[in-house]
């Protein structure tokens, strides 16, 4: 068996792994990254005719965004949970609207991608090829996300996609207990290999307290959030802690995602809390409502999470200059984004205009990824004979953890550093 890392090798983003065996060619995710100019950066090409199956772990574009480019003239079966496919359809449409000029696909290829989908259910094995069976389990990352277990021609491969083993308000932690005990290889994300996330209870308490302080002083709190996953988690956190006495507005793509996720209550940690959150929040359907949201103390949850665009910029331009308001960032902020700039410099250049932040500025680590501690514990679930492969991580950040695990006897860890790197496994 040959594993080829088409993307996500020595980098965070555009994850893509190609499994080649005697009778099968299985693609695990096929995502995009975006450069400083917002142009998509794709994984290495794979010939669609070499594929017998594709598994999509979840709907975030850094795992899914390049897939429609493979459905121009072929229809490889695409395996994913129904929620992942429904969310992906929405994410592709939004990507075409924002970056369509640079994308090698149109709505027609998106339709072909959707029509090739075969739905997966957690815990139910699915035959995906000759002597090839795929089983999926909750990954705890975003709604519909899945860890894949591929039993293929005598090998067992675990592919985590993005995963989180810690319970959040939105989801239960990853279902690691049903994974095989001694797989041949585990391909796992290690995005936060050098960082521990704060305890959730402490994080939520500090976040809610900060929100209340701004509101009680007559200000509004802008919370730029990733539309898929983070926006829902922030909304649930506010409602859970009783901050729904003030208006909570939800804008941008998060509105549609809220409704889609709500149709899958069985996947959520607390369906009743989610229903209440949708009931009390106010959707922003127009500029008129958008203006009104800032006329009273309120909470505004909206993409884009790094202030690179979307409705968040509209609010940011109008709220950032007043000391009574708050701008709270609950997501990772990549370098060269306005979110990163305001955290590091206190100002950002938006549409050629320098906006200095006088509002209260905070960053909260609401990550939906496994942290260093969880990554280490996950590796130790498997025997030292299992081949562990770290993807979706920075090599320098992951190096100390790999060294420590090696010293403890887990010396079968590999980190591909360049797209195109390969690993060969043999049963002999």
Protein backbone atom coordinates (compact mmCIF):
# COMPACT_ATOMS: atom_id res chain seq x y z
CA UNK A 1 0.00 0.00 0.00
CA UNK A 2 1.23 3.47 -0.91
CA UNK A 3 0.18 6.70 0.78
CA UNK A 4 0.80 9.92 -1.11
CA UNK A 5 0.36 13.26 0.63
CA UNK A 6 -1.02 15.65 -1.97
CA UNK A 7 -1.57 18.46 0.53
CA UNK A 8 -1.42 19.15 4.25
CA UNK A 9 2.21 17.93 4.30
CA UNK A 10 4.26 20.26 6.49
CA UNK A 11 1.46 22.83 6.42
CA UNK A 12 -1.94 23.56 7.90
CA UNK A 13 -4.63 23.45 5.22
CA UNK A 14 -5.46 21.92 1.82
CA UNK A 15 -5.37 18.41 3.25
CA UNK A 16 -5.40 15.58 0.70
CA UNK A 17 -4.13 11.99 1.01
CA UNK A 18 -4.18 9.36 -1.73
CA UNK A 19 -4.20 5.66 -0.79
CA UNK A 20 -3.06 3.37 -3.60
CA UNK A 21 -3.36 -0.41 -3.39
CA UNK A 22 -3.44 -3.21 -5.94
CA UNK A 23 -7.16 -2.77 -6.66
CA UNK A 24 -8.15 0.55 -5.12
CA UNK A 25 -7.41 4.25 -5.25
CA UNK A 26 -8.98 6.07 -2.29
CA UNK A 27 -8.77 9.83 -1.80
CA UNK A 28 -9.06 11.19 1.74
CA UNK A 29 -10.20 14.83 1.62
CA UNK A 30 -9.18 17.32 -1.08
CA UNK A 31 -9.04 20.82 0.34
CA UNK A 32 -7.83 24.29 -0.53
CA UNK A 33 -5.89 26.97 1.29
CA UNK A 34 -6.04 30.68 0.51
CA UNK A 35 -3.00 32.93 0.06
CA UNK A 36 -2.61 36.49 1.38
CA UNK A 37 -4.49 37.83 -1.66
CA UNK A 38 -7.39 35.43 -1.07
CA UNK A 39 -6.53 33.23 -4.06
CA UNK A 40 -7.07 29.47 -3.59
CA UNK A 41 -4.03 27.18 -3.36
CA UNK A 42 -4.76 23.60 -4.37
CA UNK A 43 -3.26 20.20 -3.49
CA UNK A 44 -1.27 18.25 -6.04
CA UNK A 45 -3.37 16.85 -8.83
CA UNK A 46 -4.74 13.33 -8.76
CA UNK A 47 -6.18 11.76 -11.91
CA UNK A 48 -9.89 11.10 -11.37
CA UNK A 49 -9.59 7.87 -13.34
CA UNK A 50 -7.20 6.57 -10.66
CA UNK A 51 -9.86 6.93 -7.97
CA UNK A 52 -12.26 4.19 -6.93
CA UNK A 53 -13.62 6.14 -3.94
CA UNK A 54 -13.33 9.49 -2.15
CA UNK A 55 -13.95 10.06 1.56
CA UNK A 56 -14.73 13.59 2.79
CA UNK A 57 -14.24 14.01 6.54
CA UNK A 58 -16.10 17.32 6.90
CA UNK A 59 -17.25 20.43 5.09
CA UNK A 60 -14.56 23.01 5.91
CA UNK A 61 -12.96 24.21 2.68
CA UNK A 62 -9.42 23.32 3.75
CA UNK A 63 -10.60 19.70 3.52
CA UNK A 64 -13.33 19.88 0.89
CA UNK A 65 -12.74 22.92 -1.29
CA UNK A 66 -10.94 21.29 -4.23
CA UNK A 67 -13.22 18.27 -4.61
CA UNK A 68 -15.52 19.64 -7.35
CA UNK A 69 -12.50 20.02 -9.65
CA UNK A 70 -12.39 16.20 -9.82
CA UNK A 71 -15.97 15.94 -11.06
CA UNK A 72 -15.60 17.56 -14.46
CA UNK A 73 -15.84 14.36 -16.49
CA UNK A 74 -15.96 11.50 -13.98
CA UNK A 75 -18.26 10.53 -11.12
CA UNK A 76 -16.15 8.82 -8.46
CA UNK A 77 -18.33 7.72 -5.55
CA UNK A 78 -18.02 10.31 -2.77
CA UNK A 79 -18.59 9.05 0.78
CA UNK A 80 -19.57 11.47 3.54
CA UNK A 81 -22.24 12.03 6.15
CA UNK A 82 -25.43 13.64 4.83
CA UNK A 83 -24.86 16.77 6.90
CA UNK A 84 -21.34 17.15 5.52
CA UNK A 85 -22.67 17.00 1.97
CA UNK A 86 -25.46 19.50 2.65
CA UNK A 87 -23.02 21.91 4.28
CA UNK A 88 -20.44 21.40 1.52
CA UNK A 89 -23.00 22.33 -1.11
CA UNK A 90 -23.54 25.65 0.68
CA UNK A 91 -19.81 26.22 1.20
CA UNK A 92 -19.03 25.58 -2.49
CA UNK A 93 -21.71 28.01 -3.60
CA UNK A 94 -20.30 30.66 -1.28
CA UNK A 95 -16.74 29.99 -2.47
CA UNK A 96 -17.80 30.41 -6.10
CA UNK A 97 -19.47 33.70 -5.21
CA UNK A 98 -16.33 34.99 -3.46
CA UNK A 99 -13.49 33.43 -5.48
CA UNK A 100 -15.13 31.97 -8.57
CA UNK A 101 -12.69 33.61 -10.97
CA UNK A 102 -9.84 31.58 -9.46
CA UNK A 103 -11.68 28.28 -8.99
CA UNK A 104 -11.36 25.49 -11.59
CA UNK A 105 -15.02 24.57 -11.20
CA UNK A 106 -18.48 26.06 -11.47
CA UNK A 107 -21.91 25.28 -10.10
CA UNK A 108 -22.19 22.51 -12.71
CA UNK A 109 -19.26 20.59 -11.18
CA UNK A 110 -20.70 21.18 -7.72
CA UNK A 111 -23.94 19.55 -8.85
CA UNK A 112 -21.96 16.57 -10.21
CA UNK A 113 -20.13 16.32 -6.89
CA UNK A 114 -23.38 16.30 -4.94
CA UNK A 115 -24.97 13.72 -7.22
CA UNK A 116 -21.99 11.41 -6.64
CA UNK A 117 -22.44 11.40 -2.87
CA UNK A 118 -23.21 8.20 -0.97
CA UNK A 119 -24.37 8.86 2.61
CA UNK A 120 -22.56 7.43 5.61
CA UNK A 121 -23.94 6.74 9.07
CA UNK A 122 -21.73 6.69 12.17
CA UNK A 123 -20.83 3.12 13.07
CA UNK A 124 -22.27 1.45 9.97
CA UNK A 125 -19.64 -0.13 7.64
CA UNK A 126 -19.86 0.69 3.93
CA UNK A 127 -18.22 -1.30 1.13
CA UNK A 128 -16.32 1.20 -1.04
CA UNK A 129 -14.33 -1.06 -3.37
CA UNK A 130 -12.77 -4.46 -3.89
CA UNK A 131 -11.89 -5.72 -0.40
CA UNK A 132 -12.36 -2.19 0.91
CA UNK A 133 -14.72 -1.17 3.74
CA UNK A 134 -15.15 2.27 5.29
CA UNK A 135 -16.61 2.92 8.76
CA UNK A 136 -17.00 6.41 10.23
CA UNK A 137 -17.33 7.80 13.75
CA UNK A 138 -18.06 11.23 15.20
CA UNK A 139 -14.92 13.40 15.03
CA UNK A 140 -16.19 16.07 17.45
CA UNK A 141 -14.90 18.89 15.22
CA UNK A 142 -17.97 20.36 13.51
CA UNK A 143 -21.45 18.91 12.96
CA UNK A 144 -21.26 15.97 10.57
CA UNK A 145 -17.48 15.57 10.85
CA UNK A 146 -16.18 12.02 10.78
CA UNK A 147 -13.11 9.94 11.56
CA UNK A 148 -12.73 7.30 8.87
CA UNK A 149 -11.55 3.72 9.38
CA UNK A 150 -10.61 2.09 6.07
CA UNK A 151 -10.04 -1.66 5.99
CA UNK A 152 -8.45 -2.21 2.62
CA UNK A 153 -6.74 -5.29 1.20
CA UNK A 154 -5.40 -6.49 4.53
CA UNK A 155 -4.55 -3.07 5.97
CA UNK A 156 -6.40 -0.95 8.52
CA UNK A 157 -6.06 2.82 8.16
CA UNK A 158 -7.47 5.43 10.56
CA UNK A 159 -7.90 8.93 9.12
CA UNK A 160 -8.98 11.60 11.60
CA UNK A 161 -9.62 14.58 9.35
CA UNK A 162 -9.91 17.36 11.95
CA UNK A 163 -10.95 16.05 15.35
CA UNK A 164 -11.56 17.15 18.92
CA UNK A 165 -11.83 14.75 21.85
CA UNK A 166 -13.19 17.38 24.28
CA UNK A 167 -16.93 18.03 24.65
CA UNK A 168 -18.13 21.46 23.55
CA UNK A 169 -21.57 23.03 23.83
CA UNK A 170 -22.25 22.04 20.23
CA UNK A 171 -20.87 18.50 20.04
CA UNK A 172 -19.68 15.58 22.08
CA UNK A 173 -15.99 14.81 21.82
CA UNK A 174 -14.72 12.40 19.17
CA UNK A 175 -15.85 8.79 19.44
CA UNK A 176 -12.36 7.34 19.90
CA UNK A 177 -13.62 4.32 21.83
CA UNK A 178 -14.94 2.54 18.75
CA UNK A 179 -11.70 2.91 16.76
CA UNK A 180 -9.61 -0.22 16.15
CA UNK A 181 -7.01 -0.88 18.83
CA UNK A 182 -4.09 -1.82 16.57
CA UNK A 183 -4.44 -0.28 13.10
CA UNK A 184 -1.54 -0.42 10.67
CA UNK A 185 -1.44 3.33 10.21
CA UNK A 186 -3.10 6.41 11.74
CA UNK A 187 -3.14 9.57 9.62
CA UNK A 188 -4.01 12.33 12.05
CA UNK A 189 -4.16 16.08 12.16
CA UNK A 190 -1.73 17.72 14.59
CA UNK A 191 -2.63 21.37 14.04
CA UNK A 192 -2.05 22.28 17.69
CA UNK A 193 0.84 19.92 18.44
CA UNK A 194 2.58 22.63 20.48
CA UNK A 195 -0.43 24.26 22.17
CA UNK A 196 -2.74 23.25 24.98
CA UNK A 197 -6.22 24.77 24.88
CA UNK A 198 -7.60 26.26 28.11
CA UNK A 199 -10.15 24.30 30.17
CA UNK A 200 -13.58 24.88 28.62
CA UNK A 201 -15.29 25.87 31.86
CA UNK A 202 -12.69 28.56 32.59
CA UNK A 203 -12.75 29.78 28.99
CA UNK A 204 -16.53 30.11 28.91
CA UNK A 205 -16.62 31.93 32.25
CA UNK A 206 -14.06 34.51 31.11
CA UNK A 207 -15.76 34.99 27.74
CA UNK A 208 -19.26 35.44 29.17
CA UNK A 209 -18.01 37.81 31.85
CA UNK A 210 -16.26 39.98 29.25
CA UNK A 211 -19.40 40.08 27.07
CA UNK A 212 -21.56 41.09 30.04
CA UNK A 213 -19.16 43.89 31.02
CA UNK A 214 -19.38 45.50 27.59
CA UNK A 215 -23.17 45.17 27.40
CA UNK A 216 -23.72 46.57 30.90
CA UNK A 217 -21.70 49.65 29.97
CA UNK A 218 -24.04 50.31 27.05
CA UNK A 219 -21.84 48.89 24.29
CA UNK A 220 -22.22 46.23 21.62
CA UNK A 221 -20.00 43.18 21.17
CA UNK A 222 -18.90 42.16 17.68
CA UNK A 223 -17.85 38.50 17.53
CA UNK A 224 -16.36 37.70 14.09
CA UNK A 225 -16.73 33.93 13.78
CA UNK A 226 -16.18 31.15 11.27
CA UNK A 227 -19.61 30.52 9.78
CA UNK A 228 -19.43 26.75 10.21
CA UNK A 229 -18.82 25.49 13.72
CA UNK A 230 -17.58 28.54 15.61
CA UNK A 231 -20.65 30.73 15.11
CA UNK A 232 -22.90 27.96 16.45
CA UNK A 233 -20.60 27.26 19.42
CA UNK A 234 -20.50 30.95 20.41
CA UNK A 235 -24.28 31.26 20.14
CA UNK A 236 -24.83 28.18 22.33
CA UNK A 237 -22.30 29.41 24.90
CA UNK A 238 -24.09 32.74 25.26
CA UNK A 239 -27.53 31.17 25.59
CA UNK A 240 -26.31 28.45 27.97
CA UNK A 241 -24.96 31.13 30.32
CA UNK A 242 -28.08 33.27 30.15
CA UNK A 243 -26.74 36.18 28.14
CA UNK A 244 -29.84 36.09 25.94
CA UNK A 245 -31.42 39.00 27.82
CA UNK A 246 -29.71 41.19 25.22
CA UNK A 247 -30.38 40.88 21.47
CA UNK A 248 -28.12 38.32 19.79
CA UNK A 249 -27.87 38.90 16.05
CA UNK A 250 -26.57 36.29 13.58
CA UNK A 251 -25.47 37.54 10.17
CA UNK A 252 -23.93 36.24 6.95
CA UNK A 253 -23.53 32.58 5.98
CA UNK A 254 -23.93 31.54 9.62
CA UNK A 255 -27.69 32.11 9.27
CA UNK A 256 -28.13 29.36 6.68
CA UNK A 257 -25.71 27.04 8.46
CA UNK A 258 -27.64 27.45 11.71
CA UNK A 259 -30.80 26.25 9.99
CA UNK A 260 -29.12 23.32 8.21
CA UNK A 261 -27.47 22.04 11.39
CA UNK A 262 -30.79 22.36 13.19
CA UNK A 263 -32.24 19.68 10.91
CA UNK A 264 -29.80 17.12 12.41
CA UNK A 265 -30.56 17.30 16.16
CA UNK A 266 -29.39 13.71 16.74
CA UNK A 267 -25.81 14.79 15.98
CA UNK A 268 -25.79 17.58 18.58
CA UNK A 269 -24.77 17.37 22.21
CA UNK A 270 -27.86 19.25 23.46
CA UNK A 271 -30.63 19.55 20.85
CA UNK A 272 -32.87 21.47 23.25
CA UNK A 273 -30.22 24.11 23.88
CA UNK A 274 -29.65 24.40 20.14
CA UNK A 275 -33.37 24.88 19.49
CA UNK A 276 -33.56 27.55 22.19
CA UNK A 277 -30.52 29.31 20.70
CA UNK A 278 -32.16 29.45 17.27
CA UNK A 279 -35.39 30.70 18.82
CA UNK A 280 -33.83 33.57 20.76
CA UNK A 281 -31.27 34.71 18.16
CA UNK A 282 -32.21 37.26 15.50
CA UNK A 283 -31.24 36.63 11.89
CA UNK A 284 -30.03 39.63 9.89
CA UNK A 285 -31.65 39.41 6.43
CA UNK A 286 -31.05 42.98 5.24
CA UNK A 287 -28.98 46.14 5.56
CA UNK A 288 -31.89 47.74 7.39
CA UNK A 289 -31.74 45.15 10.19
CA UNK A 290 -27.94 45.31 10.11
CA UNK A 291 -28.02 49.02 10.88
CA UNK A 292 -30.60 48.51 13.60
CA UNK A 293 -28.45 45.89 15.32
CA UNK A 294 -25.95 48.60 16.29
CA UNK A 295 -28.46 51.07 17.70
CA UNK A 296 -28.72 49.34 21.09
CA UNK A 297 -26.45 47.21 23.27
CA UNK A 298 -26.32 43.88 21.45
CA UNK A 299 -24.21 40.89 20.49
CA UNK A 300 -23.42 40.36 16.81
CA UNK A 301 -22.09 36.99 15.59
CA UNK A 302 -20.99 37.05 11.98
CA UNK A 303 -18.40 35.82 9.48
CA UNK A 304 -15.69 36.31 8.47
CA UNK A 305 -13.82 34.93 11.47
CA UNK A 306 -10.55 36.69 10.58
CA UNK A 307 -12.25 39.91 9.40
CA UNK A 308 -11.17 39.21 5.82
CA UNK A 309 -14.60 40.06 4.47
CA UNK A 310 -18.27 39.38 4.97
CA UNK A 311 -20.67 41.27 7.18
CA UNK A 312 -18.06 41.37 9.99
CA UNK A 313 -16.23 44.17 8.18
CA UNK A 314 -19.41 46.24 7.94
CA UNK A 315 -19.83 46.12 11.71
CA UNK A 316 -16.12 46.44 12.44
CA UNK A 317 -15.84 49.74 10.57
CA UNK A 318 -18.69 51.16 12.65
CA UNK A 319 -18.07 49.68 16.10
CA UNK A 320 -14.28 49.54 16.46
CA UNK A 321 -13.77 53.26 17.09
CA UNK A 322 -15.83 53.47 20.29
CA UNK A 323 -14.39 52.51 23.68
CA UNK A 324 -17.79 51.34 24.92
CA UNK A 325 -17.94 48.49 22.36
CA UNK A 326 -16.10 45.18 22.20
CA UNK A 327 -14.46 43.23 19.39
CA UNK A 328 -14.00 39.66 20.59
CA UNK A 329 -12.18 37.18 18.35
CA UNK A 330 -12.98 33.53 19.22
CA UNK A 331 -10.97 31.97 16.39
CA UNK A 332 -7.41 31.48 15.19
CA UNK A 333 -6.14 34.55 13.33
CA UNK A 334 -3.79 33.80 10.44
CA UNK A 335 -0.93 36.19 9.66
CA UNK A 336 -1.70 38.87 7.06
CA UNK A 337 -5.38 39.01 8.03
CA UNK A 338 -7.11 42.04 9.58
CA UNK A 339 -7.87 39.95 12.67
CA UNK A 340 -4.17 39.22 13.17
CA UNK A 341 -3.28 42.86 12.52
CA UNK A 342 -5.60 44.27 15.17
CA UNK A 343 -4.38 41.78 17.77
CA UNK A 344 -0.72 42.51 17.08
CA UNK A 345 -0.87 46.23 16.21
CA UNK A 346 -4.20 47.55 17.41
CA UNK A 347 -5.26 48.62 13.94
CA UNK A 348 -6.02 47.18 10.51
CA UNK A 349 -6.08 48.53 6.99
CA UNK A 350 -9.49 47.77 5.48
CA UNK A 351 -10.31 48.85 1.92
CA UNK A 352 -7.32 51.20 2.01
CA UNK A 353 -8.46 52.88 5.24
CA UNK A 354 -6.62 52.48 8.55
CA UNK A 355 -9.05 51.60 11.34
CA UNK A 356 -7.67 51.91 14.85
CA UNK A 357 -9.42 49.78 17.44
CA UNK A 358 -10.55 51.79 20.45
CA UNK A 359 -13.11 49.16 21.42
CA UNK A 360 -12.25 46.52 24.00
CA UNK A 361 -10.27 43.90 22.09
CA UNK A 362 -10.10 40.28 23.26
CA UNK A 363 -9.09 36.90 21.86
CA UNK A 364 -10.58 33.64 23.16
CA UNK A 365 -9.35 30.15 22.28
CA UNK A 366 -12.60 28.40 21.27
CA UNK A 367 -10.71 25.91 19.12
CA UNK A 368 -12.54 22.87 17.76
CA UNK A 369 -9.26 20.97 17.24
CA UNK A 370 -7.48 18.59 19.57
CA UNK A 371 -4.79 20.38 21.56
CA UNK A 372 -1.30 19.12 22.37
CA UNK A 373 -2.48 17.09 25.35
CA UNK A 374 -5.32 15.46 23.39
CA UNK A 375 -3.02 14.69 20.43
CA UNK A 376 -0.53 12.99 22.74
CA UNK A 377 -3.23 10.95 24.45
CA UNK A 378 -4.69 9.94 21.10
CA UNK A 379 -1.31 8.65 19.88
CA UNK A 380 -0.95 6.63 23.08
CA UNK A 381 -4.24 4.84 22.43
CA UNK A 382 -2.38 2.79 19.86
CA UNK A 383 0.60 0.43 20.28
CA UNK A 384 4.09 1.67 19.30
CA UNK A 385 3.94 -0.67 16.29
CA UNK A 386 1.18 1.43 14.68
CA UNK A 387 2.55 3.88 12.14
CA UNK A 388 1.51 7.40 13.17
CA UNK A 389 1.54 10.10 10.49
CA UNK A 390 1.10 13.76 11.47
CA UNK A 391 -0.50 15.96 8.83
CA UNK A 392 -2.08 19.43 8.83
CA UNK A 393 0.63 20.85 11.09
CA UNK A 394 3.74 22.99 11.08
CA UNK A 395 6.86 20.77 11.34
CA UNK A 396 8.66 23.10 13.76
CA UNK A 397 5.65 23.23 16.05
CA UNK A 398 5.20 19.45 15.99
CA UNK A 399 8.90 18.57 16.48
CA UNK A 400 9.03 18.82 20.33
CA UNK A 401 5.98 16.55 20.72
CA UNK A 402 7.41 14.01 18.27
CA UNK A 403 10.73 14.02 20.18
CA UNK A 404 9.01 13.42 23.50
CA UNK A 405 6.82 10.64 22.14
CA UNK A 406 9.89 9.02 20.55
CA UNK A 407 11.68 9.09 23.92
CA UNK A 408 8.68 7.30 25.43
CA UNK A 409 8.90 4.50 22.87
CA UNK A 410 6.56 5.81 20.18
CA UNK A 411 9.29 5.90 17.56
CA UNK A 412 7.07 5.07 14.58
CA UNK A 413 5.92 8.67 13.91
CA UNK A 414 6.34 10.27 10.52
CA UNK A 415 5.66 13.85 9.44
CA UNK A 416 5.60 14.47 5.67
CA UNK A 417 7.00 17.93 4.97
CA UNK A 418 6.47 18.39 1.24
CA UNK A 419 3.42 17.76 -0.96
CA UNK A 420 4.18 14.61 -2.94
CA UNK A 421 5.89 12.79 -0.07
CA UNK A 422 5.01 9.09 0.05
CA UNK A 423 4.91 6.27 2.58
CA UNK A 424 4.98 2.63 1.52
CA UNK A 425 3.61 -0.11 3.74
CA UNK A 426 4.04 -3.84 3.32
CA UNK A 427 2.40 -6.73 5.12
CA UNK A 428 5.59 -8.76 4.84
